[in-house]
Amino acid sequence: MSAALLRGAAGAGLGACLCAIVLSACAQAPTRTRLNGKTMGTTWSVTLSGKSAGEGERLRAGIERELDRVVAQMSTFERDSDLSRYNRAAAGTWQDLPEEFANVLGAALAQARDSGGAFDPTVGPLVELWGFGPGKTVHEVPSVQAIETARARIGWQRVEFDPQRRRVLQPGGVHLDLSAIAKGYGVDQVARYLLSEGRADFLVEVGGELRAHGERAPGEHWQVAIENPHASDEAVSSEQPYWRRLALVDQAVATSGDYRHTFEHAGRMYSHHIDPRSGWPVEHRIAQVTTIADGCMQADSMGTTIMVLGPEAGLAYAQRHDMAVLLLVHEGDHLVERMSPAFAALLARQGAVPPR
């Protein structure tokens, strides 16, 4: 489970471990407007195709309202967020939820059920224990007893959720963490806002998660790139900073990897991706997962699920759900592509060339 947590705008560092890069959409043109700002401890940007004279500041304010609402409801770093209040609530009390929070929680619980607990929105105590939460900055390997104590507090089955009344029961000790799904939801919310304002051609990006709608220019799709996980190496960054380039056609993309938000102890690297079923960071050969879906919330949660499941089970899961997923897997000193049939079909339709 990703330990990336929603932070307020003043938070430091990336809000998530995502690495899709906007290509060419950043170029300024007479009929293109780019808005940007900060949210969730990272940055956001929206590129609008078409004339936006006089609308920029109004649209910026609307975008920030949507993102601020997600933070106010679902941030683990904001003490007064609805999520934080639920986590502090007394055992046996029902907590009323805002509509957006209820929608995300419902989707998170459905993903948890479907994945057999590989995705689990109650993973918060383990995230905190391993030093990736809001209250602890020192990374260390916990004792087995501490891990088992934290595991006793988690389990999506413990969450009694009433979607009709938009309320959830705090059974005692449950600590929700929606970080692996809420940022994608924020991207979708911005997209819905722009559509409600009559904007049909745009690219939304929050911390590297993206959703495209319409066209960049007449007859041109929005272009994005998947970052090369080895791009920080000087030799690689100058020759192949991106792994693949893709066109998004009314689609979203989310990417997560094992090379950010990690720590080393006794010569061993520990990832921020925590497996809720074991209580330990994942240990497999996946370097990076890229997921393409109709919505960013779905792409976000699916990427985390597959990162926890591992390459074989993860690809089988993607195939069962007809999801377009690309894995980069460590094989010795090299990275090897493995992709779902849906992702291969997407590349075939685009006529994409393989990475160098």
Protein backbone atom coordinates (compact mmCIF):
# COMPACT_ATOMS: atom_id res chain seq x y z
CA MET A 1 0.00 0.00 0.00
CA SER A 2 1.38 3.37 -0.92
CA ALA A 3 2.44 5.50 2.00
CA ALA A 4 2.10 8.70 0.01
CA LEU A 5 -0.11 10.97 2.10
CA LEU A 6 -2.23 13.99 1.27
CA ARG A 7 -0.55 17.07 2.65
CA GLY A 8 -1.67 20.66 2.81
CA ALA A 9 -0.31 23.14 0.31
CA ALA A 10 2.47 24.07 2.69
CA GLY A 11 3.69 20.48 3.02
CA ALA A 12 7.14 19.58 1.81
CA GLY A 13 8.03 17.00 -0.75
CA LEU A 14 6.04 15.06 -3.30
CA GLY A 15 2.59 13.96 -2.28
CA ALA A 16 2.98 10.66 -4.14
CA CYS A 17 5.42 8.44 -5.91
CA LEU A 18 4.31 9.22 -9.45
CA CYS A 19 6.32 9.86 -12.52
CA ALA A 20 4.25 10.54 -15.62
CA ILE A 21 5.69 13.65 -17.26
CA VAL A 22 3.71 16.09 -19.40
CA LEU A 23 5.22 16.38 -22.86
CA SER A 24 4.82 19.37 -25.12
CA ALA A 25 1.68 20.42 -23.25
CA CYS A 26 3.86 22.87 -21.33
CA ALA A 27 4.78 24.77 -24.46
CA GLN A 28 3.05 28.13 -24.46
CA ALA A 29 1.02 28.95 -27.57
CA PRO A 30 -1.47 31.72 -28.39
CA THR A 31 -4.39 29.32 -27.98
CA ARG A 32 -3.13 27.49 -24.91
CA THR A 33 -3.27 28.55 -21.26
CA ARG A 34 -1.37 26.91 -18.41
CA LEU A 35 -2.40 27.34 -14.79
CA ASN A 36 -0.46 25.91 -11.86
CA GLY A 37 -0.10 25.95 -8.10
CA LYS A 38 0.60 23.84 -5.04
CA THR A 39 -1.51 21.26 -3.27
CA MET A 40 -1.11 18.07 -1.20
CA GLY A 41 2.59 18.72 -0.67
CA THR A 42 3.23 18.73 -4.41
CA THR A 43 2.22 20.79 -7.45
CA TRP A 44 -0.72 20.90 -9.79
CA SER A 45 -1.03 22.16 -13.34
CA VAL A 46 -3.83 22.48 -15.85
CA THR A 47 -3.22 23.13 -19.52
CA LEU A 48 -6.21 24.45 -21.44
CA SER A 49 -6.45 24.33 -25.21
CA GLY A 50 -8.41 27.14 -26.80
CA LYS A 51 -8.89 30.78 -25.92
CA SER A 52 -9.12 31.61 -22.22
CA ALA A 53 -8.96 35.39 -22.28
CA GLY A 54 -10.13 36.79 -18.96
CA GLU A 55 -10.96 33.35 -17.54
CA GLY A 56 -7.61 32.31 -16.12
CA GLU A 57 -7.98 33.59 -12.56
CA ARG A 58 -11.59 32.49 -12.29
CA LEU A 59 -10.73 28.97 -13.42
CA ARG A 60 -7.69 28.89 -11.15
CA ALA A 61 -9.88 29.75 -8.16
CA GLY A 62 -12.33 27.00 -9.09
CA ILE A 63 -9.56 24.43 -9.52
CA GLU A 64 -8.07 25.31 -6.15
CA ARG A 65 -11.47 25.03 -4.47
CA GLU A 66 -11.81 21.48 -5.76
CA LEU A 67 -8.33 20.49 -4.59
CA ASP A 68 -8.71 22.23 -1.23
CA ARG A 69 -11.92 20.31 -0.65
CA VAL A 70 -10.11 16.99 -1.13
CA VAL A 71 -7.40 18.06 1.33
CA ALA A 72 -9.92 19.32 3.89
CA GLN A 73 -11.82 16.06 3.78
CA MET A 74 -9.19 13.35 3.24
CA SER A 75 -5.74 14.55 4.34
CA THR A 76 -3.93 12.63 7.05
CA PHE A 77 -1.67 15.66 7.61
CA GLU A 78 -4.49 18.11 8.37
CA ARG A 79 -5.60 17.64 11.96
CA ASP A 80 -9.04 19.12 11.27
CA SER A 81 -9.74 17.10 8.12
CA ASP A 82 -12.81 14.86 8.14
CA LEU A 83 -10.53 11.83 7.87
CA SER A 84 -8.42 12.89 10.86
CA ARG A 85 -11.53 13.48 12.93
CA TYR A 86 -12.77 10.00 12.06
CA ASN A 87 -9.43 8.49 13.04
CA ARG A 88 -9.68 10.19 16.46
CA ALA A 89 -13.34 9.37 17.01
CA ALA A 90 -14.47 7.31 19.98
CA ALA A 91 -15.16 3.62 19.49
CA GLY A 92 -18.75 2.82 18.59
CA THR A 93 -19.57 6.23 17.12
CA TRP A 94 -20.99 6.88 13.67
CA GLN A 95 -19.32 9.68 11.73
CA ASP A 96 -21.13 11.61 9.01
CA LEU A 97 -19.15 12.06 5.80
CA PRO A 98 -19.18 14.71 3.08
CA GLU A 99 -20.24 13.42 -0.32
CA GLU A 100 -16.74 13.36 -1.80
CA PHE A 101 -15.23 11.49 1.16
CA ALA A 102 -18.08 8.95 1.03
CA ASN A 103 -17.51 8.38 -2.70
CA VAL A 104 -13.79 7.77 -2.24
CA LEU A 105 -14.25 5.54 0.81
CA GLY A 106 -16.81 3.45 -1.06
CA ALA A 107 -14.41 3.00 -3.98
CA ALA A 108 -11.53 2.17 -1.63
CA LEU A 109 -13.52 -0.50 0.20
CA ALA A 110 -14.65 -2.01 -3.11
CA GLN A 111 -11.02 -2.16 -4.26
CA ALA A 112 -10.00 -3.76 -0.97
CA ARG A 113 -12.67 -6.43 -1.27
CA ASP A 114 -11.86 -7.14 -4.91
CA SER A 115 -8.09 -7.36 -4.33
CA GLY A 116 -8.29 -9.64 -1.31
CA GLY A 117 -6.84 -6.93 0.91
CA ALA A 118 -3.80 -6.05 -1.21
CA PHE A 119 -5.37 -2.58 -1.26
CA ASP A 120 -6.62 -1.60 2.18
CA PRO A 121 -7.70 1.90 3.27
CA THR A 122 -7.15 0.97 6.95
CA VAL A 123 -3.39 0.57 6.45
CA GLY A 124 -2.69 3.81 8.34
CA PRO A 125 -1.20 2.25 11.52
CA LEU A 126 1.37 0.34 9.45
CA VAL A 127 2.23 3.41 7.37
CA GLU A 128 2.84 5.34 10.58
CA LEU A 129 4.81 2.51 12.17
CA TRP A 130 7.24 2.32 9.23
CA GLY A 131 7.86 6.08 9.38
CA PHE A 132 5.93 7.16 6.30
CA GLY A 133 2.99 8.77 8.11
CA PRO A 134 2.31 12.31 9.28
CA GLY A 135 3.53 11.84 12.84
CA LYS A 136 6.90 10.15 12.38
CA THR A 137 9.88 11.15 10.26
CA VAL A 138 12.52 8.68 11.49
CA HIS A 139 12.63 5.52 9.40
CA GLU A 140 13.51 2.33 11.20
CA VAL A 141 12.60 -1.34 11.04
CA PRO A 142 9.92 -2.03 13.68
CA SER A 143 9.96 -5.08 15.88
CA VAL A 144 7.86 -8.07 14.89
CA GLN A 145 5.70 -7.46 17.94
CA ALA A 146 5.08 -3.84 16.91
CA ILE A 147 4.11 -4.95 13.41
CA GLU A 148 1.67 -7.52 14.77
CA THR A 149 0.18 -4.93 17.14
CA ALA A 150 -0.40 -2.57 14.21
CA ARG A 151 -1.85 -5.36 12.09
CA ALA A 152 -4.41 -6.03 14.79
CA ARG A 153 -5.81 -2.54 14.13
CA ILE A 154 -6.17 -2.86 10.36
CA GLY A 155 -8.52 -4.74 8.08
CA TRP A 156 -11.01 -3.22 5.65
CA GLN A 157 -13.64 -5.68 6.91
CA ARG A 158 -13.72 -3.73 10.20
CA VAL A 159 -15.13 -0.66 8.44
CA GLU A 160 -18.92 -0.55 8.59
CA PHE A 161 -19.93 1.92 5.90
CA ASP A 162 -23.47 3.15 5.20
CA PRO A 163 -23.33 4.76 1.73
CA GLN A 164 -27.04 5.71 1.69
CA ARG A 165 -26.71 7.79 4.86
CA ARG A 166 -23.11 8.72 4.05
CA ARG A 167 -21.74 7.66 7.42
CA VAL A 168 -19.10 5.26 8.74
CA LEU A 169 -18.71 3.54 12.08
CA GLN A 170 -15.49 3.92 14.06
CA PRO A 171 -15.15 0.49 15.73
CA GLY A 172 -12.13 1.63 17.71
CA GLY A 173 -8.54 2.01 16.59
CA VAL A 174 -9.24 2.16 12.85
CA HIS A 175 -6.96 4.65 11.10
CA LEU A 176 -8.05 5.35 7.53
CA ASP A 177 -5.47 6.33 4.92
CA LEU A 178 -6.89 7.20 1.49
CA SER A 179 -3.63 8.47 0.03
CA ALA A 180 -3.46 5.79 -2.66
CA ILE A 181 -6.78 6.85 -4.14
CA ALA A 182 -7.71 10.39 -3.04
CA LYS A 183 -5.18 12.26 -5.16
CA GLY A 184 -6.47 10.52 -8.26
CA TYR A 185 -9.96 11.53 -7.17
CA GLY A 186 -8.73 15.12 -6.91
CA VAL A 187 -7.56 14.99 -10.53
CA ASP A 188 -10.99 13.70 -11.56
CA GLN A 189 -12.71 16.43 -9.57
CA VAL A 190 -10.73 19.11 -11.38
CA ALA A 191 -11.65 17.50 -14.70
CA ARG A 192 -15.34 17.48 -13.75
CA TYR A 193 -15.14 21.13 -12.75
CA LEU A 194 -13.57 22.12 -16.07
CA LEU A 195 -16.20 20.19 -18.01
CA SER A 196 -18.92 21.95 -15.99
CA GLU A 197 -17.35 25.25 -17.08
CA GLY A 198 -17.68 24.27 -20.73
CA ARG A 199 -13.99 23.46 -21.24
CA ALA A 200 -13.65 20.36 -23.42
CA ASP A 201 -9.89 20.32 -24.16
CA PHE A 202 -7.51 20.14 -21.21
CA LEU A 203 -4.82 18.20 -19.40
CA VAL A 204 -4.93 18.03 -15.58
CA GLU A 205 -1.86 17.00 -13.57
CA VAL A 206 -1.40 16.69 -9.81
CA GLY A 207 1.92 15.36 -8.55
CA GLY A 208 2.48 13.43 -11.79
CA GLU A 209 -0.98 11.90 -12.05
CA LEU A 210 -2.79 13.04 -15.17
CA ARG A 211 -6.14 13.09 -16.91
CA ALA A 212 -6.67 14.31 -20.45
CA HIS A 213 -9.84 15.37 -22.18
CA GLY A 214 -10.38 16.41 -25.77
CA GLU A 215 -7.46 17.56 -27.90
CA ARG A 216 -4.26 19.51 -27.42
CA ALA A 217 -4.81 21.08 -30.83
CA PRO A 218 -7.17 20.19 -33.67
CA GLY A 219 -6.33 16.62 -34.64
CA GLU A 220 -3.65 16.25 -31.92
CA HIS A 221 -4.03 14.13 -28.79
CA TRP A 222 -2.44 15.10 -25.50
CA GLN A 223 1.03 13.56 -25.23
CA VAL A 224 2.61 12.31 -22.00
CA ALA A 225 5.69 10.31 -21.14
CA ILE A 226 6.50 7.61 -18.63
CA GLU A 227 9.63 8.48 -16.71
CA ASN A 228 12.62 6.17 -16.89
CA PRO A 229 13.20 4.91 -13.31
CA HIS A 230 16.94 5.19 -13.96
CA ALA A 231 16.67 8.78 -15.22
CA SER A 232 18.49 10.09 -12.15
CA ASP A 233 21.63 8.41 -13.44
CA GLU A 234 23.57 11.03 -15.38
CA ALA A 235 24.35 8.73 -18.28
CA VAL A 236 20.72 7.69 -18.62
CA SER A 237 19.16 11.10 -18.13
CA SER A 238 21.03 12.57 -21.08
CA GLU A 239 20.09 9.74 -23.47
CA GLN A 240 16.76 8.32 -22.33
CA PRO A 241 14.99 10.41 -19.70
CA TYR A 242 11.64 8.88 -20.66
CA TRP A 243 10.74 5.23 -21.00
CA ARG A 244 7.76 5.55 -23.34
CA ARG A 245 5.61 8.26 -24.81
CA LEU A 246 1.86 7.85 -24.94
CA ALA A 247 -1.19 9.64 -26.29
CA LEU A 248 -4.13 10.03 -23.91
CA VAL A 249 -7.59 10.05 -25.45
CA ASP A 250 -10.05 11.05 -22.71
CA GLN A 251 -8.02 8.91 -20.30
CA ALA A 252 -6.05 9.12 -17.08
CA VAL A 253 -2.62 7.76 -16.18
CA ALA A 254 -0.98 7.09 -12.83
CA THR A 255 2.52 5.75 -12.20
CA SER A 256 4.12 4.55 -8.98
CA GLY A 257 7.53 3.06 -8.29
CA ASP A 258 9.95 1.60 -5.78
CA TYR A 259 12.68 4.21 -6.15
CA ARG A 260 11.22 7.12 -4.18
CA HIS A 261 10.17 7.28 -0.54
CA THR A 262 12.44 4.48 0.60
CA PHE A 263 14.98 4.02 3.36
CA GLU A 264 17.96 1.74 3.89
CA HIS A 265 18.73 -0.28 6.99
CA ALA A 266 21.56 -2.79 7.41
CA GLY A 267 22.18 -2.78 3.68
CA ARG A 268 18.56 -3.47 2.77
CA MET A 269 16.12 -1.09 1.08
CA TYR A 270 12.59 -0.71 2.41
CA SER A 271 9.85 0.68 0.18
CA HIS A 272 6.97 2.93 1.22
CA HIS A 273 4.62 0.42 -0.39
CA ILE A 274 3.33 -1.56 2.58
CA ASP A 275 1.57 -4.89 2.09
CA PRO A 276 -1.41 -4.70 4.48
CA ARG A 277 -1.63 -8.49 4.52
CA SER A 278 1.85 -9.01 5.98
CA GLY A 279 2.62 -5.67 7.59
CA TRP A 280 5.95 -5.42 5.73
CA PRO A 281 7.09 -3.34 2.75
CA VAL A 282 6.72 -5.19 -0.53
CA GLU A 283 9.64 -7.33 -1.66
CA HIS A 284 9.52 -8.12 -5.35
CA ARG A 285 11.09 -7.04 -8.60
CA ILE A 286 8.63 -4.36 -9.76
CA ALA A 287 10.39 -1.05 -10.29
CA GLN A 288 7.41 0.84 -11.65
CA VAL A 289 3.72 0.40 -12.45
CA THR A 290 1.88 2.58 -14.96
CA THR A 291 -1.89 2.27 -15.23
CA ILE A 292 -4.21 3.85 -17.79
CA ALA A 293 -7.93 4.09 -17.07
CA ASP A 294 -10.96 6.22 -17.83
CA GLY A 295 -10.60 7.96 -14.45
CA CYS A 296 -7.58 8.87 -12.39
CA MET A 297 -9.03 7.52 -9.14
CA GLN A 298 -9.24 4.07 -10.70
CA ALA A 299 -5.74 4.33 -12.19
CA ASP A 300 -4.34 5.50 -8.84
CA SER A 301 -5.78 2.67 -6.74
CA MET A 302 -5.10 0.00 -9.36
CA GLY A 303 -1.41 0.96 -9.52
CA THR A 304 -1.01 0.59 -5.77
CA THR A 305 -2.85 -2.74 -5.82
CA ILE A 306 -0.56 -4.18 -8.47
CA MET A 307 2.53 -2.81 -6.73
CA VAL A 308 1.54 -4.84 -3.68
CA LEU A 309 0.48 -7.97 -5.57
CA GLY A 310 3.77 -8.26 -7.47
CA PRO A 311 4.47 -8.95 -11.17
CA GLU A 312 2.76 -12.29 -11.72
CA ALA A 313 -0.32 -11.82 -9.54
CA GLY A 314 -0.50 -8.14 -10.50
CA LEU A 315 -0.60 -8.79 -14.24
CA ALA A 316 -3.15 -11.55 -13.76
CA TYR A 317 -5.28 -9.11 -11.76
CA ALA A 318 -4.98 -6.46 -14.49
CA GLN A 319 -5.93 -8.96 -17.17
CA ARG A 320 -9.00 -10.07 -15.20
CA HIS A 321 -10.15 -6.45 -15.12
CA ASP A 322 -9.10 -5.65 -18.70
CA MET A 323 -6.87 -2.85 -17.39
CA ALA A 324 -4.06 -1.25 -19.40
CA VAL A 325 -1.02 -1.77 -17.15
CA LEU A 326 2.72 -1.56 -17.86
CA LEU A 327 5.25 -3.00 -15.42
CA LEU A 328 8.97 -2.33 -15.40
CA VAL A 329 10.59 -5.26 -13.63
CA HIS A 330 14.13 -5.60 -12.33
CA GLU A 331 16.12 -8.38 -13.96
CA GLY A 332 19.67 -8.07 -12.73
CA ASP A 333 20.91 -4.60 -13.67
CA HIS A 334 18.25 -4.19 -16.35
CA LEU A 335 14.60 -3.25 -16.52
CA VAL A 336 12.26 -5.43 -18.54
CA GLU A 337 8.78 -4.47 -19.73
CA ARG A 338 5.81 -6.61 -18.90
CA MET A 339 2.36 -5.43 -19.92
CA SER A 340 -1.25 -6.48 -19.82
CA PRO A 341 -3.05 -7.34 -23.09
CA ALA A 342 -5.03 -4.11 -22.80
CA PHE A 343 -1.83 -2.04 -22.62
CA ALA A 344 -0.34 -3.92 -25.58
CA ALA A 345 -3.52 -3.24 -27.56
CA LEU A 346 -3.32 0.45 -26.68
CA LEU A 347 0.26 0.64 -27.96
CA ALA A 348 -0.71 -1.17 -31.13
CA ARG A 349 -3.49 1.33 -31.79
CA GLN A 350 -1.09 4.23 -31.26
CA GLY A 351 1.65 2.70 -33.38
CA ALA A 352 4.04 3.33 -30.45
CA VAL A 353 7.68 2.45 -30.86
CA PRO A 354 9.45 0.49 -28.11
CA PRO A 355 11.85 2.28 -25.73
CA ARG A 356 15.44 2.61 -26.81
